[in-house]
C-alpha atoms as a PDB file:
ATOM      1  CA  GLN A   1       0.000   0.000   0.000  1.00  0.00           C
ATOM      2  CA  VAL A   2       1.415   3.343  -1.070  1.00  0.00           C
ATOM      3  CA  GLN A   3       0.686   6.436   0.983  1.00  0.00           C
ATOM      4  CA  LEU A   4       1.429  10.027   0.083  1.00  0.00           C
ATOM      5  CA  VAL A   5       1.236  12.628   2.834  1.00  0.00           C
ATOM      6  CA  GLU A   6       1.477  16.320   2.052  1.00  0.00           C
ATOM      7  CA  SER A   7       2.559  18.959   4.539  1.00  0.00           C
ATOM      8  CA  GLY A   8       3.837  22.507   4.655  1.00  0.00           C
ATOM      9  CA  GLY A   9       0.731  24.429   3.727  1.00  0.00           C
ATOM     10  CA  GLY A  10      -0.583  27.365   5.671  1.00  0.00           C
ATOM     11  CA  LEU A  11      -1.468  31.021   5.619  1.00  0.00           C
ATOM     12  CA  VAL A  12       1.115  33.277   4.028  1.00  0.00           C
ATOM     13  CA  GLN A  13       1.139  36.891   2.942  1.00  0.00           C
ATOM     14  CA  PRO A  14       1.450  37.857  -0.726  1.00  0.00           C
ATOM     15  CA  GLY A  15       5.078  37.804  -1.751  1.00  0.00           C
ATOM     16  CA  GLY A  16       5.952  35.130   0.750  1.00  0.00           C
ATOM     17  CA  SER A  17       7.214  31.609   0.183  1.00  0.00           C
ATOM     18  CA  LEU A  18       6.207  28.104   1.139  1.00  0.00           C
ATOM     19  CA  ARG A  19       7.869  24.740   0.872  1.00  0.00           C
ATOM     20  CA  LEU A  20       5.423  21.889   0.495  1.00  0.00           C
ATOM     21  CA  SER A  21       6.461  18.317   1.135  1.00  0.00           C
ATOM     22  CA  CYS A  22       5.095  15.005  -0.086  1.00  0.00           C
ATOM     23  CA  ALA A  23       6.295  12.095   1.993  1.00  0.00           C
ATOM     24  CA  ALA A  24       5.822   8.687   0.413  1.00  0.00           C
ATOM     25  CA  SER A  25       5.652   5.322   2.128  1.00  0.00           C
ATOM     26  CA  GLY A  26       5.157   1.860   0.764  1.00  0.00           C
ATOM     27  CA  ARG A  27       7.212   2.430  -2.366  1.00  0.00           C
ATOM     28  CA  ALA A  28      10.224   4.477  -3.297  1.00  0.00           C
ATOM     29  CA  VAL A  29       9.365   7.512  -5.385  1.00  0.00           C
ATOM     30  CA  SER A  30      12.926   7.817  -6.626  1.00  0.00           C
ATOM     31  CA  SER A  31      12.010   5.821  -9.724  1.00  0.00           C
ATOM     32  CA  GLU A  32       8.581   7.348 -10.292  1.00  0.00           C
ATOM     33  CA  ASN A  33       7.174  10.470 -11.840  1.00  0.00           C
ATOM     34  CA  VAL A  34       5.636  12.626  -9.122  1.00  0.00           C
ATOM     35  CA  GLN A  35       3.230  15.461  -9.732  1.00  0.00           C
ATOM     36  CA  TRP A  36       1.892  18.346  -7.679  1.00  0.00           C
ATOM     37  CA  TYR A  37      -1.609  19.521  -8.513  1.00  0.00           C
ATOM     38  CA  ARG A  38      -3.757  22.184  -6.949  1.00  0.00           C
ATOM     39  CA  GLN A  39      -7.444  22.899  -6.804  1.00  0.00           C
ATOM     40  CA  ALA A  40      -8.865  26.293  -5.946  1.00  0.00           C
ATOM     41  CA  PRO A  41     -12.449  26.729  -4.728  1.00  0.00           C
ATOM     42  CA  GLY A  42     -14.873  26.351  -7.608  1.00  0.00           C
ATOM     43  CA  LYS A  43     -12.152  25.422 -10.090  1.00  0.00           C
ATOM     44  CA  GLY A  44     -10.799  22.256 -11.616  1.00  0.00           C
ATOM     45  CA  ARG A  45      -7.587  20.526 -10.669  1.00  0.00           C
ATOM     46  CA  GLU A  46      -4.518  22.198 -12.161  1.00  0.00           C
ATOM     47  CA  LEU A  47      -1.089  20.670 -12.756  1.00  0.00           C
ATOM     48  CA  VAL A  48       1.541  22.691 -10.883  1.00  0.00           C
ATOM     49  CA  ALA A  49       4.790  20.781 -11.336  1.00  0.00           C
ATOM     50  CA  VAL A  50       6.210  17.411 -12.306  1.00  0.00           C
ATOM     51  CA  ILE A  51       9.476  15.700 -11.503  1.00  0.00           C
ATOM     52  CA  GLY A  52      10.323  12.752 -13.702  1.00  0.00           C
ATOM     53  CA  HIS A  53      12.041   9.592 -12.591  1.00  0.00           C
ATOM     54  CA  LEU A  54      15.241  10.840 -14.230  1.00  0.00           C
ATOM     55  CA  GLY A  55      14.985  14.190 -12.477  1.00  0.00           C
ATOM     56  CA  THR A  56      13.564  16.235 -15.312  1.00  0.00           C
ATOM     57  CA  THR A  57      11.117  18.913 -14.211  1.00  0.00           C
ATOM     58  CA  LEU A  58       8.120  20.628 -15.723  1.00  0.00           C
ATOM     59  CA  TYR A  59       6.104  23.548 -14.381  1.00  0.00           C
ATOM     60  CA  GLY A  60       2.669  24.920 -15.014  1.00  0.00           C
ATOM     61  CA  ASP A  61       2.524  28.387 -16.537  1.00  0.00           C
ATOM     62  CA  SER A  62       0.988  29.822 -13.381  1.00  0.00           C
ATOM     63  CA  VAL A  63       4.054  29.030 -11.245  1.00  0.00           C
ATOM     64  CA  LYS A  64       6.817  28.902 -13.834  1.00  0.00           C
ATOM     65  CA  GLY A  65       9.822  30.960 -12.807  1.00  0.00           C
ATOM     66  CA  ARG A  66       8.939  31.058  -9.118  1.00  0.00           C
ATOM     67  CA  SER A  67       8.702  27.379  -8.223  1.00  0.00           C
ATOM     68  CA  THR A  68      11.111  24.528  -7.746  1.00  0.00           C
ATOM     69  CA  ILE A  69      10.223  20.849  -7.463  1.00  0.00           C
ATOM     70  CA  SER A  70      12.853  18.550  -6.022  1.00  0.00           C
ATOM     71  CA  ARG A  71      13.226  15.026  -4.704  1.00  0.00           C
ATOM     72  CA  ASP A  72      15.044  13.739  -1.637  1.00  0.00           C
ATOM     73  CA  ASN A  73      15.618  10.048  -2.196  1.00  0.00           C
ATOM     74  CA  ALA A  74      17.052   9.554   1.284  1.00  0.00           C
ATOM     75  CA  THR A  75      13.731  10.511   2.873  1.00  0.00           C
ATOM     76  CA  ASN A  76      11.488   9.406  -0.022  1.00  0.00           C
ATOM     77  CA  THR A  77      10.057  12.914  -0.184  1.00  0.00           C
ATOM     78  CA  VAL A  78       9.248  15.337  -2.979  1.00  0.00           C
ATOM     79  CA  HIS A  79       9.282  19.058  -2.222  1.00  0.00           C
ATOM     80  CA  LEU A  80       7.634  21.980  -3.945  1.00  0.00           C
ATOM     81  CA  GLN A  81       8.988  25.434  -3.212  1.00  0.00           C
ATOM     82  CA  ILE A  82       6.841  28.359  -4.353  1.00  0.00           C
ATOM     83  CA  ASN A  83       8.142  31.902  -4.054  1.00  0.00           C
ATOM     84  CA  ASN A  84       6.471  35.262  -4.539  1.00  0.00           C
ATOM     85  CA  LEU A  85       3.106  33.764  -3.609  1.00  0.00           C
ATOM     86  CA  LYS A  86       0.000  35.469  -4.963  1.00  0.00           C
ATOM     87  CA  PRO A  87      -3.613  35.346  -3.775  1.00  0.00           C
ATOM     88  CA  GLU A  88      -4.429  33.273  -6.864  1.00  0.00           C
ATOM     89  CA  ASP A  89      -2.104  30.558  -5.543  1.00  0.00           C
ATOM     90  CA  THR A  90      -4.689  29.867  -2.840  1.00  0.00           C
ATOM     91  CA  ALA A  91      -5.735  26.250  -3.260  1.00  0.00           C
ATOM     92  CA  ILE A  92      -5.451  22.772  -1.878  1.00  0.00           C
ATOM     93  CA  TYR A  93      -2.205  21.263  -3.125  1.00  0.00           C
ATOM     94  CA  TYR A  94      -2.099  17.542  -3.850  1.00  0.00           C
ATOM     95  CA  CYS A  95       0.736  15.144  -4.481  1.00  0.00           C
ATOM     96  CA  ASN A  96       0.265  12.363  -7.022  1.00  0.00           C
ATOM     97  CA  SER A  97       2.223   9.360  -8.228  1.00  0.00           C
ATOM     98  CA  LYS A  98       0.604   6.872 -10.578  1.00  0.00           C
ATOM     99  CA  MET A  99      -2.871   6.174  -9.154  1.00  0.00           C
ATOM    100  CA  TYR A 100      -1.975   7.354  -5.650  1.00  0.00           C
ATOM    101  CA  TRP A 101      -3.004  10.710  -4.210  1.00  0.00           C
ATOM    102  CA  GLY A 102      -2.364  12.431  -0.930  1.00  0.00           C
ATOM    103  CA  GLN A 103      -5.055  14.114   1.126  1.00  0.00           C
ATOM    104  CA  GLY A 104      -3.866  17.582   0.203  1.00  0.00           C
ATOM    105  CA  THR A 105      -2.497  20.556   2.085  1.00  0.00           C
ATOM    106  CA  GLN A 106      -4.214  23.945   2.154  1.00  0.00           C
ATOM    107  CA  VAL A 107      -2.316  27.008   0.989  1.00  0.00           C
ATOM    108  CA  THR A 108      -3.927  30.377   1.619  1.00  0.00           C
ATOM    109  CA  VAL A 109      -2.297  33.556   0.381  1.00  0.00           C
ATOM    110  CA  SER A 110      -3.821  36.614   1.971  1.00  0.00           C
ATOM    111  CA  SER A 111      -2.859  39.796   3.723  1.00  0.00           C
END
């Protein structure tokens, strides 16, 4: 059984930064593609960032240039750093690998 657990969300002011974490158990994510998605109230799920099993990365247009996705194989964790946060970044952020999803972590950007 694979479990993905997100953490690191919270309330942050515009212009601030957050580092989200996705801790995996049950299978190593070092050899898997891992995605971060987000879903804002009343909107569909949006792809935020991807890290491939070879370490290649891809970012959604909404966070490109201010986000970094990375993987720590020692702790079986994938991180998502978002800088210069904007109110439109407010959403629940989910981690995904294959058919497995975490429960999400809430990010609220507000002054």
